[in-house]
Amino acid sequence: MANHVEIIQDCEEVEIVSCNKDTVGKTRLQKWSRGIYIVASAGGHIEYWQPLYKSESPTQAFMITVVWLFNKFMALKASGKSDEELLQAMEETVLAYDNMCHLDSLRISRKDLPLPAPFNKKWQKVGKVIDRLHLQNHKDPLCKVKYNPDNSLSKSVNTMAAEQNGEKKECIYGILLQSWKTTHMYFATKNAPIIVYIYKL
């Protein structure tokens, strides 16, 4: 992934998305609060995390998610899965993210990724939804149609689990913001609010 800088260079929106859902975080004393981007399974197990710099921008969110997807499917490839099985695993993976409309509007997300097959298809193949809690706050009517979780997930699936998890840990996160970076990163792997959830169909 580190050799494909063209992915980063192509991380700009093709057109300005009319949805003005604000998810960039909180400002404190004219500075962005330190953030952690967590990828977790539907059961709450943290699979991957990276620090966020300045704000939770679509570019950062996209890059972190793509790197996690690459690692996830590369592990399946190493275990002996065929390309057909990898493509099927991609189609069975659903990403739930509160700002998915902006991630999916990036120029790089509109085409195959500059990666070897079948990894070049991973963003196009995975399902993409906005969690039910944040979906109602999106201003663009297209979001409620294109990224509606009810189109691909059972109504019994709790897409708001990440938000509920985060609320429980706000007190811990407030303490982490005052700690040294190394301490913050260590405890964040155990206690940081979960941002992205992954569901298997």
N, C-alpha and C. Protein backbone atom coordinates (compact mmCIF):
# COMPACT_ATOMS: atom_id res chain seq x y z
N MET A 1 0.82 -1.20 0.00
CA MET A 1 0.00 0.00 0.00
C MET A 1 0.86 1.26 0.00
N ALA A 2 2.01 1.22 0.71
CA ALA A 2 2.86 2.40 0.81
C ALA A 2 3.43 2.81 -0.55
N ASN A 3 3.47 1.89 -1.50
CA ASN A 3 4.03 2.18 -2.82
C ASN A 3 3.02 2.81 -3.77
N HIS A 4 1.77 2.92 -3.33
CA HIS A 4 0.72 3.42 -4.22
C HIS A 4 0.29 4.82 -3.78
N VAL A 5 1.18 5.80 -3.94
CA VAL A 5 0.90 7.17 -3.53
C VAL A 5 -0.20 7.80 -4.38
N GLU A 6 -0.46 7.21 -5.55
CA GLU A 6 -1.51 7.77 -6.41
C GLU A 6 -2.88 7.69 -5.78
N ILE A 7 -3.04 6.79 -4.82
CA ILE A 7 -4.31 6.71 -4.11
C ILE A 7 -4.54 8.00 -3.33
N ILE A 8 -3.50 8.44 -2.60
CA ILE A 8 -3.60 9.67 -1.83
C ILE A 8 -3.80 10.87 -2.75
N GLN A 9 -3.07 10.88 -3.87
CA GLN A 9 -3.15 12.01 -4.79
C GLN A 9 -4.53 12.13 -5.43
N ASP A 10 -5.26 11.03 -5.45
CA ASP A 10 -6.59 11.03 -6.08
C ASP A 10 -7.71 11.12 -5.05
N CYS A 11 -7.36 11.45 -3.80
CA CYS A 11 -8.36 11.54 -2.75
C CYS A 11 -8.95 12.94 -2.67
N GLU A 12 -9.73 13.29 -3.65
CA GLU A 12 -10.48 14.53 -3.63
C GLU A 12 -11.85 14.24 -4.20
N GLU A 13 -12.83 15.03 -3.75
CA GLU A 13 -14.20 14.77 -4.17
C GLU A 13 -14.38 15.14 -5.64
N VAL A 14 -15.03 14.26 -6.39
CA VAL A 14 -15.32 14.51 -7.79
C VAL A 14 -16.20 15.74 -7.92
N GLU A 15 -17.18 15.82 -7.05
CA GLU A 15 -18.06 16.97 -7.00
C GLU A 15 -18.43 17.20 -5.54
N ILE A 16 -18.74 18.43 -5.21
CA ILE A 16 -19.07 18.74 -3.83
C ILE A 16 -20.39 18.07 -3.45
N VAL A 17 -20.34 17.24 -2.41
CA VAL A 17 -21.53 16.56 -1.95
C VAL A 17 -22.40 17.56 -1.22
N SER A 18 -23.69 17.58 -1.55
CA SER A 18 -24.58 18.57 -0.96
C SER A 18 -24.86 18.29 0.51
N CYS A 19 -24.60 17.07 0.94
CA CYS A 19 -24.83 16.72 2.34
C CYS A 19 -23.82 17.44 3.21
N ASN A 20 -24.31 18.18 4.21
CA ASN A 20 -23.41 18.94 5.08
C ASN A 20 -23.33 18.34 6.46
N LYS A 21 -23.45 17.02 6.54
CA LYS A 21 -23.31 16.33 7.81
C LYS A 21 -21.93 16.63 8.39
N ASP A 22 -21.90 17.20 9.62
CA ASP A 22 -20.63 17.58 10.24
C ASP A 22 -20.15 16.47 11.15
N THR A 23 -19.00 15.88 10.81
CA THR A 23 -18.47 14.80 11.63
C THR A 23 -17.00 15.01 11.97
N VAL A 24 -16.52 16.24 11.87
CA VAL A 24 -15.08 16.46 12.01
C VAL A 24 -14.60 16.52 13.46
N GLY A 25 -15.50 16.50 14.43
CA GLY A 25 -15.06 16.43 15.81
C GLY A 25 -15.21 17.75 16.54
N LYS A 26 -14.60 17.86 17.69
CA LYS A 26 -14.73 19.01 18.56
C LYS A 26 -13.45 19.82 18.56
N THR A 27 -13.62 21.16 18.70
CA THR A 27 -12.44 22.01 18.82
C THR A 27 -12.27 22.41 20.27
N ARG A 28 -11.03 22.47 20.70
CA ARG A 28 -10.73 22.86 22.07
C ARG A 28 -9.55 23.83 22.04
N LEU A 29 -9.79 25.07 22.51
CA LEU A 29 -8.75 26.08 22.53
C LEU A 29 -8.13 26.29 21.15
N GLN A 30 -8.97 26.40 20.13
CA GLN A 30 -8.58 26.62 18.74
C GLN A 30 -7.73 25.49 18.16
N LYS A 31 -7.77 24.31 18.77
CA LYS A 31 -7.03 23.17 18.25
C LYS A 31 -7.96 21.97 18.18
N TRP A 32 -7.74 21.13 17.17
CA TRP A 32 -8.54 19.92 17.07
C TRP A 32 -8.13 18.94 18.16
N SER A 33 -9.12 18.33 18.76
CA SER A 33 -8.81 17.32 19.77
C SER A 33 -8.20 16.11 19.09
N ARG A 34 -7.29 15.45 19.79
CA ARG A 34 -6.62 14.28 19.26
C ARG A 34 -7.64 13.16 19.09
N GLY A 35 -7.61 12.47 17.95
CA GLY A 35 -8.60 11.43 17.68
C GLY A 35 -7.98 10.12 17.27
N ILE A 36 -8.76 9.08 17.42
CA ILE A 36 -8.35 7.74 17.01
C ILE A 36 -9.44 7.17 16.10
N TYR A 37 -9.03 6.63 14.97
CA TYR A 37 -9.96 6.01 14.03
C TYR A 37 -9.84 4.49 14.23
N ILE A 38 -10.95 3.90 14.64
CA ILE A 38 -10.97 2.48 14.98
C ILE A 38 -11.83 1.72 13.98
N VAL A 39 -11.33 0.58 13.52
CA VAL A 39 -12.13 -0.34 12.72
C VAL A 39 -12.41 -1.55 13.61
N ALA A 40 -13.68 -1.84 13.81
CA ALA A 40 -14.06 -2.94 14.70
C ALA A 40 -15.12 -3.81 14.06
N SER A 41 -15.15 -5.06 14.48
CA SER A 41 -16.17 -5.98 13.99
C SER A 41 -17.51 -5.67 14.66
N ALA A 42 -18.56 -6.30 14.16
CA ALA A 42 -19.89 -6.06 14.73
C ALA A 42 -19.95 -6.47 16.19
N GLY A 43 -19.07 -7.38 16.59
CA GLY A 43 -19.04 -7.82 17.98
C GLY A 43 -18.23 -6.91 18.88
N GLY A 44 -17.63 -5.86 18.31
CA GLY A 44 -16.88 -4.90 19.10
C GLY A 44 -15.40 -5.16 19.18
N HIS A 45 -14.90 -6.19 18.51
CA HIS A 45 -13.47 -6.49 18.54
C HIS A 45 -12.72 -5.53 17.62
N ILE A 46 -11.72 -4.85 18.16
CA ILE A 46 -10.93 -3.91 17.38
C ILE A 46 -10.00 -4.68 16.45
N GLU A 47 -10.13 -4.41 15.15
CA GLU A 47 -9.31 -5.09 14.15
C GLU A 47 -8.16 -4.22 13.64
N TYR A 48 -8.34 -2.91 13.74
CA TYR A 48 -7.32 -2.00 13.20
C TYR A 48 -7.59 -0.61 13.74
N TRP A 49 -6.53 0.16 13.96
CA TRP A 49 -6.72 1.56 14.38
C TRP A 49 -5.53 2.40 13.94
N GLN A 50 -5.81 3.69 13.76
CA GLN A 50 -4.79 4.66 13.39
C GLN A 50 -5.15 6.00 14.01
N PRO A 51 -4.16 6.82 14.35
CA PRO A 51 -4.46 8.17 14.86
C PRO A 51 -4.99 9.07 13.76
N LEU A 52 -5.83 10.01 14.14
CA LEU A 52 -6.33 11.01 13.21
C LEU A 52 -5.57 12.31 13.45
N TYR A 53 -5.23 13.00 12.37
CA TYR A 53 -4.48 14.23 12.47
C TYR A 53 -5.38 15.42 12.12
N LYS A 54 -5.45 16.36 13.04
CA LYS A 54 -6.22 17.59 12.90
C LYS A 54 -7.72 17.34 12.90
N SER A 55 -8.22 16.53 11.96
CA SER A 55 -9.66 16.30 11.91
C SER A 55 -9.96 14.99 11.20
N GLU A 56 -11.18 14.54 11.35
CA GLU A 56 -11.61 13.29 10.72
C GLU A 56 -12.06 13.58 9.28
N SER A 57 -11.10 13.82 8.41
CA SER A 57 -11.41 14.16 7.03
C SER A 57 -11.76 12.92 6.22
N PRO A 58 -12.53 13.06 5.14
CA PRO A 58 -12.84 11.91 4.29
C PRO A 58 -11.59 11.22 3.75
N THR A 59 -10.55 12.00 3.45
CA THR A 59 -9.32 11.41 2.92
C THR A 59 -8.67 10.48 3.93
N GLN A 60 -8.55 10.95 5.18
CA GLN A 60 -7.96 10.11 6.21
C GLN A 60 -8.81 8.86 6.46
N ALA A 61 -10.11 9.05 6.57
CA ALA A 61 -11.01 7.93 6.82
C ALA A 61 -10.93 6.91 5.69
N PHE A 62 -10.89 7.39 4.45
CA PHE A 62 -10.82 6.49 3.30
C PHE A 62 -9.51 5.71 3.30
N MET A 63 -8.39 6.39 3.50
CA MET A 63 -7.10 5.73 3.46
C MET A 63 -6.96 4.68 4.55
N ILE A 64 -7.39 5.01 5.75
CA ILE A 64 -7.30 4.05 6.86
C ILE A 64 -8.17 2.84 6.58
N THR A 65 -9.38 3.08 6.08
CA THR A 65 -10.29 1.98 5.78
C THR A 65 -9.75 1.09 4.67
N VAL A 66 -9.18 1.70 3.63
CA VAL A 66 -8.63 0.94 2.50
C VAL A 66 -7.44 0.09 2.94
N VAL A 67 -6.59 0.64 3.80
CA VAL A 67 -5.45 -0.12 4.30
C VAL A 67 -5.93 -1.32 5.10
N TRP A 68 -6.95 -1.10 5.94
CA TRP A 68 -7.50 -2.22 6.71
C TRP A 68 -8.10 -3.28 5.79
N LEU A 69 -8.83 -2.86 4.76
CA LEU A 69 -9.41 -3.82 3.82
C LEU A 69 -8.32 -4.62 3.13
N PHE A 70 -7.25 -3.93 2.75
CA PHE A 70 -6.14 -4.61 2.08
C PHE A 70 -5.55 -5.69 2.99
N ASN A 71 -5.30 -5.32 4.25
CA ASN A 71 -4.75 -6.29 5.21
C ASN A 71 -5.70 -7.46 5.44
N LYS A 72 -6.97 -7.15 5.52
CA LYS A 72 -7.98 -8.17 5.77
C LYS A 72 -8.02 -9.20 4.65
N PHE A 73 -8.08 -8.73 3.42
CA PHE A 73 -8.20 -9.65 2.29
C PHE A 73 -6.86 -10.27 1.90
N MET A 74 -5.77 -9.58 2.19
CA MET A 74 -4.45 -10.16 1.97
C MET A 74 -4.23 -11.37 2.89
N ALA A 75 -4.75 -11.28 4.12
CA ALA A 75 -4.65 -12.40 5.05
C ALA A 75 -5.43 -13.60 4.53
N LEU A 76 -6.58 -13.34 3.92
CA LEU A 76 -7.37 -14.43 3.34
C LEU A 76 -6.63 -15.05 2.16
N LYS A 77 -5.98 -14.20 1.37
CA LYS A 77 -5.19 -14.69 0.23
C LYS A 77 -4.05 -15.58 0.72
N ALA A 78 -3.39 -15.15 1.79
CA ALA A 78 -2.27 -15.92 2.34
C ALA A 78 -2.72 -17.25 2.93
N SER A 79 -3.99 -17.32 3.33
CA SER A 79 -4.51 -18.56 3.90
C SER A 79 -4.91 -19.57 2.84
N GLY A 80 -4.79 -19.17 1.56
CA GLY A 80 -5.07 -20.10 0.47
C GLY A 80 -6.37 -19.86 -0.28
N LYS A 81 -7.06 -18.76 0.03
CA LYS A 81 -8.32 -18.47 -0.65
C LYS A 81 -8.05 -18.09 -2.11
N SER A 82 -8.93 -18.53 -2.98
CA SER A 82 -8.81 -18.19 -4.40
C SER A 82 -9.31 -16.78 -4.65
N ASP A 83 -9.04 -16.24 -5.85
CA ASP A 83 -9.51 -14.91 -6.19
C ASP A 83 -11.03 -14.83 -6.15
N GLU A 84 -11.69 -15.90 -6.58
CA GLU A 84 -13.16 -15.92 -6.56
C GLU A 84 -13.67 -15.87 -5.13
N GLU A 85 -13.00 -16.57 -4.23
CA GLU A 85 -13.41 -16.55 -2.82
C GLU A 85 -13.15 -15.19 -2.19
N LEU A 86 -12.07 -14.54 -2.63
CA LEU A 86 -11.78 -13.20 -2.12
C LEU A 86 -12.86 -12.21 -2.56
N LEU A 87 -13.26 -12.30 -3.81
CA LEU A 87 -14.31 -11.41 -4.31
C LEU A 87 -15.63 -11.64 -3.58
N GLN A 88 -15.90 -12.89 -3.27
CA GLN A 88 -17.12 -13.20 -2.52
C GLN A 88 -17.04 -12.64 -1.10
N ALA A 89 -15.85 -12.76 -0.48
CA ALA A 89 -15.67 -12.20 0.86
C ALA A 89 -15.84 -10.68 0.85
N MET A 90 -15.40 -10.03 -0.22
CA MET A 90 -15.57 -8.58 -0.34
C MET A 90 -17.05 -8.23 -0.41
N GLU A 91 -17.79 -8.98 -1.20
CA GLU A 91 -19.22 -8.70 -1.36
C GLU A 91 -20.00 -8.96 -0.08
N GLU A 92 -19.47 -9.81 0.79
CA GLU A 92 -20.15 -10.14 2.05
C GLU A 92 -19.78 -9.19 3.18
N THR A 93 -18.88 -8.27 2.89
CA THR A 93 -18.45 -7.30 3.91
C THR A 93 -19.21 -5.99 3.73
N VAL A 94 -19.77 -5.50 4.82
CA VAL A 94 -20.51 -4.23 4.78
C VAL A 94 -19.88 -3.27 5.78
N LEU A 95 -19.53 -2.08 5.30
CA LEU A 95 -18.97 -1.03 6.14
C LEU A 95 -20.07 -0.06 6.56
N ALA A 96 -20.15 0.21 7.85
CA ALA A 96 -21.10 1.20 8.37
C ALA A 96 -20.30 2.36 8.93
N TYR A 97 -20.50 3.54 8.35
CA TYR A 97 -19.72 4.72 8.75
C TYR A 97 -20.63 5.94 8.69
N ASP A 98 -20.46 6.86 9.63
CA ASP A 98 -21.39 7.98 9.72
C ASP A 98 -21.27 9.00 8.59
N ASN A 99 -20.14 9.00 7.88
CA ASN A 99 -19.93 9.97 6.80
C ASN A 99 -19.61 9.26 5.48
N MET A 100 -20.25 8.14 5.25
CA MET A 100 -19.95 7.30 4.09
C MET A 100 -20.17 8.03 2.76
N CYS A 101 -21.12 8.94 2.71
CA CYS A 101 -21.41 9.64 1.45
C CYS A 101 -20.19 10.41 0.95
N HIS A 102 -19.42 11.00 1.87
CA HIS A 102 -18.24 11.76 1.46
C HIS A 102 -17.09 10.84 1.08
N LEU A 103 -16.96 9.71 1.78
CA LEU A 103 -15.91 8.74 1.41
C LEU A 103 -16.16 8.22 0.01
N ASP A 104 -17.40 7.95 -0.29
CA ASP A 104 -17.76 7.34 -1.57
C ASP A 104 -17.82 8.36 -2.70
N SER A 105 -17.62 9.64 -2.38
CA SER A 105 -17.62 10.67 -3.42
C SER A 105 -16.21 11.05 -3.86
N LEU A 106 -15.20 10.48 -3.20
CA LEU A 106 -13.83 10.77 -3.60
C LEU A 106 -13.55 10.23 -5.00
N ARG A 107 -12.68 10.90 -5.73
CA ARG A 107 -12.37 10.49 -7.10
C ARG A 107 -11.83 9.05 -7.14
N ILE A 108 -11.00 8.71 -6.17
CA ILE A 108 -10.39 7.37 -6.15
C ILE A 108 -11.42 6.28 -5.90
N SER A 109 -12.52 6.64 -5.24
CA SER A 109 -13.54 5.63 -4.93
C SER A 109 -14.45 5.33 -6.11
N ARG A 110 -14.34 6.12 -7.18
CA ARG A 110 -15.20 5.95 -8.34
C ARG A 110 -14.63 4.97 -9.37
N LYS A 111 -13.42 4.46 -9.08
CA LYS A 111 -12.78 3.56 -10.05
C LYS A 111 -12.03 2.47 -9.29
N ASP A 112 -11.53 1.52 -10.04
CA ASP A 112 -10.74 0.46 -9.41
C ASP A 112 -9.49 1.05 -8.79
N LEU A 113 -9.10 0.52 -7.65
CA LEU A 113 -7.90 1.00 -6.97
C LEU A 113 -6.65 0.52 -7.71
N PRO A 114 -5.56 1.28 -7.67
CA PRO A 114 -4.33 0.89 -8.37
C PRO A 114 -3.58 -0.19 -7.59
N LEU A 115 -4.21 -1.34 -7.45
CA LEU A 115 -3.66 -2.48 -6.72
C LEU A 115 -3.79 -3.73 -7.58
N PRO A 116 -3.01 -4.75 -7.28
CA PRO A 116 -3.13 -6.00 -8.06
C PRO A 116 -4.52 -6.62 -7.89
N ALA A 117 -4.98 -7.28 -8.94
CA ALA A 117 -6.27 -7.97 -8.86
C ALA A 117 -6.14 -9.15 -7.87
N PRO A 118 -7.20 -9.44 -7.12
CA PRO A 118 -8.52 -8.81 -7.12
C PRO A 118 -8.66 -7.65 -6.13
N PHE A 119 -7.53 -7.23 -5.50
CA PHE A 119 -7.60 -6.20 -4.47
C PHE A 119 -8.02 -4.84 -5.03
N ASN A 120 -7.86 -4.67 -6.33
CA ASN A 120 -8.27 -3.42 -6.96
C ASN A 120 -9.78 -3.23 -6.94
N LYS A 121 -10.52 -4.32 -6.68
CA LYS A 121 -11.99 -4.27 -6.69
C LYS A 121 -12.59 -4.09 -5.30
N LYS A 122 -11.75 -4.04 -4.27
CA LYS A 122 -12.29 -4.14 -2.91
C LYS A 122 -13.26 -3.02 -2.54
N TRP A 123 -12.96 -1.78 -2.93
CA TRP A 123 -13.88 -0.70 -2.56
C TRP A 123 -15.19 -0.80 -3.33
N GLN A 124 -15.12 -1.24 -4.56
CA GLN A 124 -16.33 -1.36 -5.36
C GLN A 124 -17.21 -2.53 -4.90
N LYS A 125 -16.57 -3.57 -4.36
CA LYS A 125 -17.30 -4.78 -4.00
C LYS A 125 -17.95 -4.71 -2.62
N VAL A 126 -17.30 -4.08 -1.64
CA VAL A 126 -17.85 -4.07 -0.28
C VAL A 126 -19.12 -3.23 -0.22
N GLY A 127 -20.01 -3.62 0.67
CA GLY A 127 -21.22 -2.83 0.89
C GLY A 127 -20.89 -1.61 1.74
N LYS A 128 -21.60 -0.51 1.48
CA LYS A 128 -21.33 0.73 2.20
C LYS A 128 -22.64 1.35 2.66
N VAL A 129 -22.77 1.58 3.96
CA VAL A 129 -23.98 2.16 4.52
C VAL A 129 -23.62 3.24 5.54
N ILE A 130 -24.62 4.04 5.87
CA ILE A 130 -24.51 5.00 6.97
C ILE A 130 -25.32 4.41 8.13
N ASP A 131 -24.76 4.47 9.33
CA ASP A 131 -25.49 3.87 10.45
C ASP A 131 -26.82 4.58 10.66
N ARG A 132 -27.79 3.86 11.22
CA ARG A 132 -29.16 4.36 11.32
C ARG A 132 -29.27 5.63 12.16
N LEU A 133 -28.43 5.78 13.16
CA LEU A 133 -28.50 6.96 14.01
C LEU A 133 -28.13 8.22 13.24
N HIS A 134 -27.04 8.17 12.49
CA HIS A 134 -26.56 9.36 11.78
C HIS A 134 -27.28 9.57 10.45
N LEU A 135 -27.88 8.53 9.91
CA LEU A 135 -28.54 8.66 8.60
C LEU A 135 -29.62 9.73 8.62
N GLN A 136 -30.34 9.83 9.71
CA GLN A 136 -31.44 10.80 9.79
C GLN A 136 -30.95 12.24 9.80
N ASN A 137 -29.66 12.45 10.11
CA ASN A 137 -29.12 13.81 10.13
C ASN A 137 -28.52 14.25 8.80
N HIS A 138 -28.44 13.35 7.84
CA HIS A 138 -27.88 13.71 6.54
C HIS A 138 -28.90 14.52 5.74
N LYS A 139 -28.42 15.58 5.13
CA LYS A 139 -29.30 16.53 4.45
C LYS A 139 -29.65 16.12 3.02
N ASP A 140 -28.76 15.38 2.38
CA ASP A 140 -28.99 14.97 0.99
C ASP A 140 -29.94 13.77 0.96
N PRO A 141 -31.08 13.88 0.28
CA PRO A 141 -32.04 12.76 0.20
C PRO A 141 -31.41 11.50 -0.39
N LEU A 142 -30.38 11.65 -1.24
CA LEU A 142 -29.73 10.50 -1.85
C LEU A 142 -29.08 9.61 -0.80
N CYS A 143 -28.58 10.21 0.27
CA CYS A 143 -27.94 9.43 1.33
C CYS A 143 -28.91 8.41 1.92
N LYS A 144 -30.15 8.83 2.10
CA LYS A 144 -31.14 7.97 2.73
C LYS A 144 -31.58 6.83 1.82
N VAL A 145 -31.23 6.93 0.54
CA VAL A 145 -31.57 5.87 -0.42
C VAL A 145 -30.36 5.00 -0.71
N LYS A 146 -29.27 5.64 -1.08
CA LYS A 146 -28.07 4.90 -1.51
C LYS A 146 -27.35 4.21 -0.36
N TYR A 147 -27.36 4.83 0.83
CA TYR A 147 -26.60 4.29 1.95
C TYR A 147 -27.49 3.84 3.12
N ASN A 148 -28.71 3.52 2.79
CA ASN A 148 -29.66 3.05 3.82
C ASN A 148 -29.28 1.64 4.25
N PRO A 149 -28.97 1.41 5.53
CA PRO A 149 -28.56 0.07 5.98
C PRO A 149 -29.65 -0.98 5.82
N ASP A 150 -30.90 -0.55 5.77
CA ASP A 150 -32.00 -1.50 5.63
C ASP A 150 -32.00 -2.18 4.26
N ASN A 151 -31.25 -1.62 3.31
CA ASN A 151 -31.17 -2.22 1.97
C ASN A 151 -30.27 -3.44 1.93
N SER A 152 -29.34 -3.55 2.89
CA SER A 152 -28.39 -4.66 2.86
C SER A 152 -28.22 -5.39 4.18
N LEU A 153 -28.73 -4.82 5.25
CA LEU A 153 -28.59 -5.45 6.56
C LEU A 153 -29.96 -5.70 7.18
N SER A 154 -30.03 -6.73 7.98
CA SER A 154 -31.27 -7.03 8.69
C SER A 154 -31.58 -5.90 9.67
N LYS A 155 -32.85 -5.63 9.90
CA LYS A 155 -33.25 -4.59 10.83
C LYS A 155 -32.80 -4.91 12.25
N SER A 156 -32.50 -6.17 12.50
CA SER A 156 -32.06 -6.57 13.84
C SER A 156 -30.59 -6.20 14.10
N VAL A 157 -29.86 -5.85 13.03
CA VAL A 157 -28.46 -5.47 13.19
C VAL A 157 -28.39 -4.07 13.79
N ASN A 158 -27.66 -3.94 14.86
CA ASN A 158 -27.53 -2.66 15.56
C ASN A 158 -26.40 -1.85 14.95
N THR A 159 -26.71 -1.01 13.98
CA THR A 159 -25.67 -0.19 13.35
C THR A 159 -25.26 0.98 14.23
N MET A 160 -25.97 1.18 15.34
CA MET A 160 -25.64 2.27 16.26
C MET A 160 -24.75 1.79 17.40
N ALA A 161 -24.28 0.55 17.33
CA ALA A 161 -23.46 0.01 18.41
C ALA A 161 -22.21 0.84 18.63
N ALA A 162 -21.62 1.36 17.56
CA ALA A 162 -20.41 2.16 17.68
C ALA A 162 -20.68 3.42 18.49
N GLU A 163 -21.78 4.09 18.17
CA GLU A 163 -22.13 5.33 18.87
C GLU A 163 -22.42 5.05 20.34
N GLN A 164 -23.13 3.98 20.61
CA GLN A 164 -23.46 3.62 21.99
C GLN A 164 -22.19 3.28 22.76
N ASN A 165 -21.27 2.61 22.10
CA ASN A 165 -20.00 2.26 22.73
C ASN A 165 -19.22 3.52 23.06
N GLY A 166 -19.23 4.48 22.15
CA GLY A 166 -18.50 5.72 22.35
C GLY A 166 -19.03 6.52 23.52
N GLU A 167 -20.35 6.55 23.69
CA GLU A 167 -20.95 7.30 24.78
C GLU A 167 -20.51 6.77 26.14
N LYS A 168 -20.36 5.47 26.22
CA LYS A 168 -19.95 4.85 27.48
C LYS A 168 -18.53 5.22 27.86
N LYS A 169 -17.71 5.59 26.85
CA LYS A 169 -16.29 5.79 27.09
C LYS A 169 -15.88 7.25 27.02
N GLU A 170 -16.85 8.17 26.99
CA GLU A 170 -16.53 9.59 26.89
C GLU A 170 -15.69 10.05 28.07
N CYS A 171 -15.98 9.55 29.27
CA CYS A 171 -15.24 9.99 30.44
C CYS A 171 -13.78 9.55 30.34
N ILE A 172 -13.53 8.33 29.85
CA ILE A 172 -12.17 7.83 29.68
C ILE A 172 -11.46 8.62 28.59
N TYR A 173 -12.17 8.92 27.51
CA TYR A 173 -11.56 9.63 26.39
C TYR A 173 -11.15 11.03 26.80
N GLY A 174 -11.94 11.66 27.67
CA GLY A 174 -11.59 13.00 28.16
C GLY A 174 -10.26 12.99 28.91
N ILE A 175 -10.02 11.94 29.66
CA ILE A 175 -8.76 11.81 30.38
C ILE A 175 -7.61 11.57 29.40
N LEU A 176 -7.85 10.75 28.39
CA LEU A 176 -6.81 10.43 27.41
C LEU A 176 -6.32 11.68 26.68
N LEU A 177 -7.23 12.63 26.45
CA LEU A 177 -6.85 13.84 25.73
C LEU A 177 -5.79 14.65 26.49
N GLN A 178 -5.71 14.45 27.81
CA GLN A 178 -4.76 15.18 28.62
C GLN A 178 -3.45 14.42 28.81
N SER A 179 -3.39 13.19 28.30
CA SER A 179 -2.22 12.35 28.53
C SER A 179 -1.17 12.53 27.43
N TRP A 180 0.03 11.98 27.67
CA TRP A 180 1.07 11.98 26.65
C TRP A 180 0.62 11.14 25.47
N LYS A 181 1.19 11.43 24.29
CA LYS A 181 0.76 10.75 23.07
C LYS A 181 0.90 9.23 23.17
N THR A 182 2.04 8.76 23.68
CA THR A 182 2.26 7.31 23.77
C THR A 182 1.24 6.66 24.68
N THR A 183 0.98 7.30 25.82
CA THR A 183 -0.02 6.78 26.76
C THR A 183 -1.40 6.77 26.11
N HIS A 184 -1.70 7.86 25.42
CA HIS A 184 -2.98 7.98 24.74
C HIS A 184 -3.16 6.84 23.72
N MET A 185 -2.16 6.62 22.88
CA MET A 185 -2.26 5.59 21.85
C MET A 185 -2.42 4.19 22.46
N TYR A 186 -1.72 3.94 23.57
CA TYR A 186 -1.80 2.61 24.19
C TYR A 186 -3.21 2.35 24.71
N PHE A 187 -3.73 3.30 25.49
CA PHE A 187 -5.05 3.08 26.08
C PHE A 187 -6.16 3.22 25.05
N ALA A 188 -5.89 3.92 23.96
CA ALA A 188 -6.91 4.06 22.92
C ALA A 188 -7.26 2.72 22.30
N THR A 189 -6.29 1.81 22.24
CA THR A 189 -6.55 0.48 21.66
C THR A 189 -7.54 -0.30 22.50
N LYS A 190 -7.69 0.11 23.76
CA LYS A 190 -8.59 -0.59 24.67
C LYS A 190 -9.89 0.17 24.90
N ASN A 191 -9.80 1.50 24.83
CA ASN A 191 -10.93 2.30 25.31
C ASN A 191 -11.49 3.34 24.35
N ALA A 192 -10.86 3.57 23.21
CA ALA A 192 -11.33 4.65 22.33
C ALA A 192 -12.69 4.33 21.73
N PRO A 193 -13.50 5.38 21.46
CA PRO A 193 -14.80 5.16 20.81
C PRO A 193 -14.63 4.49 19.46
N ILE A 194 -15.48 3.58 19.14
CA ILE A 194 -15.43 2.87 17.87
C ILE A 194 -16.13 3.69 16.80
N ILE A 195 -15.48 3.85 15.66
CA ILE A 195 -16.01 4.70 14.60
C ILE A 195 -16.62 3.87 13.47
N VAL A 196 -15.95 2.85 13.05
CA VAL A 196 -16.41 2.04 11.92
C VAL A 196 -16.77 0.65 12.39
N TYR A 197 -17.90 0.14 11.94
CA TYR A 197 -18.30 -1.22 12.24
C TYR A 197 -18.38 -2.01 10.95
N ILE A 198 -18.05 -3.28 11.01
CA ILE A 198 -18.08 -4.14 9.84
C ILE A 198 -19.07 -5.27 10.09
N TYR A 199 -19.90 -5.53 9.12
CA TYR A 199 -20.91 -6.58 9.25
C TYR A 199 -20.72 -7.62 8.17
N LYS A 200 -20.94 -8.85 8.54
CA LYS A 200 -20.90 -9.95 7.58
C LYS A 200 -22.34 -10.33 7.24
N LEU A 201 -22.64 -10.41 5.96
CA LEU A 201 -23.99 -10.78 5.53
C LEU A 201 -24.23 -12.27 5.75
